[in-house]
Amino acid sequence: MKLKIVIEPSDEGGYTVYVPSLPGCISEGDTKEEVMANIKEAIELYLDPVEDDLTLSPDHEIVEIAV
């Protein structure tokens, strides 16, 4: 999956990064390398469903697909 991200210099130093297509998915880092690693982790957590939040029927099936 490829997502566009926006990296901006932070007023306090370092960088802020966010994913426009994933509202609220934002991170920070001191370097561009750090901010890239941090946003990758944030995206994974954003997209990973929390099983407690799922209301499933007894005959449910969970399937993963690549997009």
Protein backbone atom coordinates (compact mmCIF):
# COMPACT_ATOMS: atom_id res chain seq x y z
CA MET A 1 0.00 0.00 0.00
CA LYS A 2 1.27 3.46 -0.84
CA LEU A 3 0.05 6.53 1.02
CA LYS A 4 1.01 10.15 0.59
CA ILE A 5 2.41 11.83 3.68
CA VAL A 6 3.18 15.46 4.47
CA ILE A 7 6.39 16.32 6.32
CA GLU A 8 6.68 19.81 7.78
CA PRO A 9 9.44 21.44 9.83
CA SER A 10 8.29 21.93 13.41
CA ASP A 11 8.61 25.32 15.11
CA GLU A 12 10.29 23.60 18.08
CA GLY A 13 12.76 21.77 15.83
CA GLY A 14 12.51 18.45 14.09
CA TYR A 15 9.56 17.51 11.92
CA THR A 16 5.85 16.80 12.06
CA VAL A 17 4.34 14.31 9.63
CA TYR A 18 0.75 13.36 8.86
CA VAL A 19 -1.27 11.26 6.42
CA PRO A 20 -4.04 13.33 4.77
CA SER A 21 -6.07 10.23 3.86
CA LEU A 22 -6.00 8.93 7.47
CA PRO A 23 -7.49 11.65 9.72
CA GLY A 24 -5.63 11.93 13.00
CA CYS A 25 -2.66 9.84 11.84
CA ILE A 26 0.23 12.12 12.83
CA SER A 27 3.71 11.76 14.27
CA GLU A 28 6.91 13.67 15.00
CA GLY A 29 10.64 13.13 14.90
CA ASP A 30 13.96 14.92 15.19
CA THR A 31 15.19 13.85 11.74
CA LYS A 32 13.52 12.92 8.46
CA GLU A 33 14.66 9.33 8.95
CA GLU A 34 13.11 9.21 12.42
CA VAL A 35 9.88 10.83 11.28
CA MET A 36 9.57 8.29 8.43
CA ALA A 37 9.98 5.38 10.83
CA ASN A 38 7.52 6.93 13.28
CA ILE A 39 4.80 7.54 10.68
CA LYS A 40 5.15 3.98 9.36
CA GLU A 41 4.47 2.70 12.87
CA ALA A 42 1.57 5.16 13.30
CA ILE A 43 0.00 3.99 10.01
CA GLU A 44 0.28 0.33 11.04
CA LEU A 45 -1.39 1.06 14.37
CA TYR A 46 -4.06 3.21 12.71
CA LEU A 47 -4.98 0.47 10.24
CA ASP A 48 -4.74 -2.45 12.68
CA PRO A 49 -8.24 -3.15 14.02
CA VAL A 50 -8.61 -3.55 17.75
CA GLU A 51 -10.40 -6.85 18.26
CA ASP A 52 -12.29 -5.50 21.27
CA ASP A 53 -13.86 -2.88 18.99
CA LEU A 54 -15.25 -5.46 16.58
CA THR A 55 -18.81 -6.68 16.95
CA LEU A 56 -18.92 -9.96 15.04
CA SER A 57 -21.60 -12.48 14.36
CA PRO A 58 -20.97 -16.08 15.49
CA ASP A 59 -20.31 -17.18 11.90
CA HIS A 60 -17.86 -14.37 11.12
CA GLU A 61 -14.76 -14.70 9.00
CA ILE A 62 -11.75 -12.38 9.11
CA VAL A 63 -9.78 -12.11 5.89
CA GLU A 64 -6.78 -9.90 5.03
CA ILE A 65 -6.46 -8.29 1.62
CA ALA A 66 -3.74 -6.17 0.05
CA VAL A 67 -4.71 -2.81 -1.38
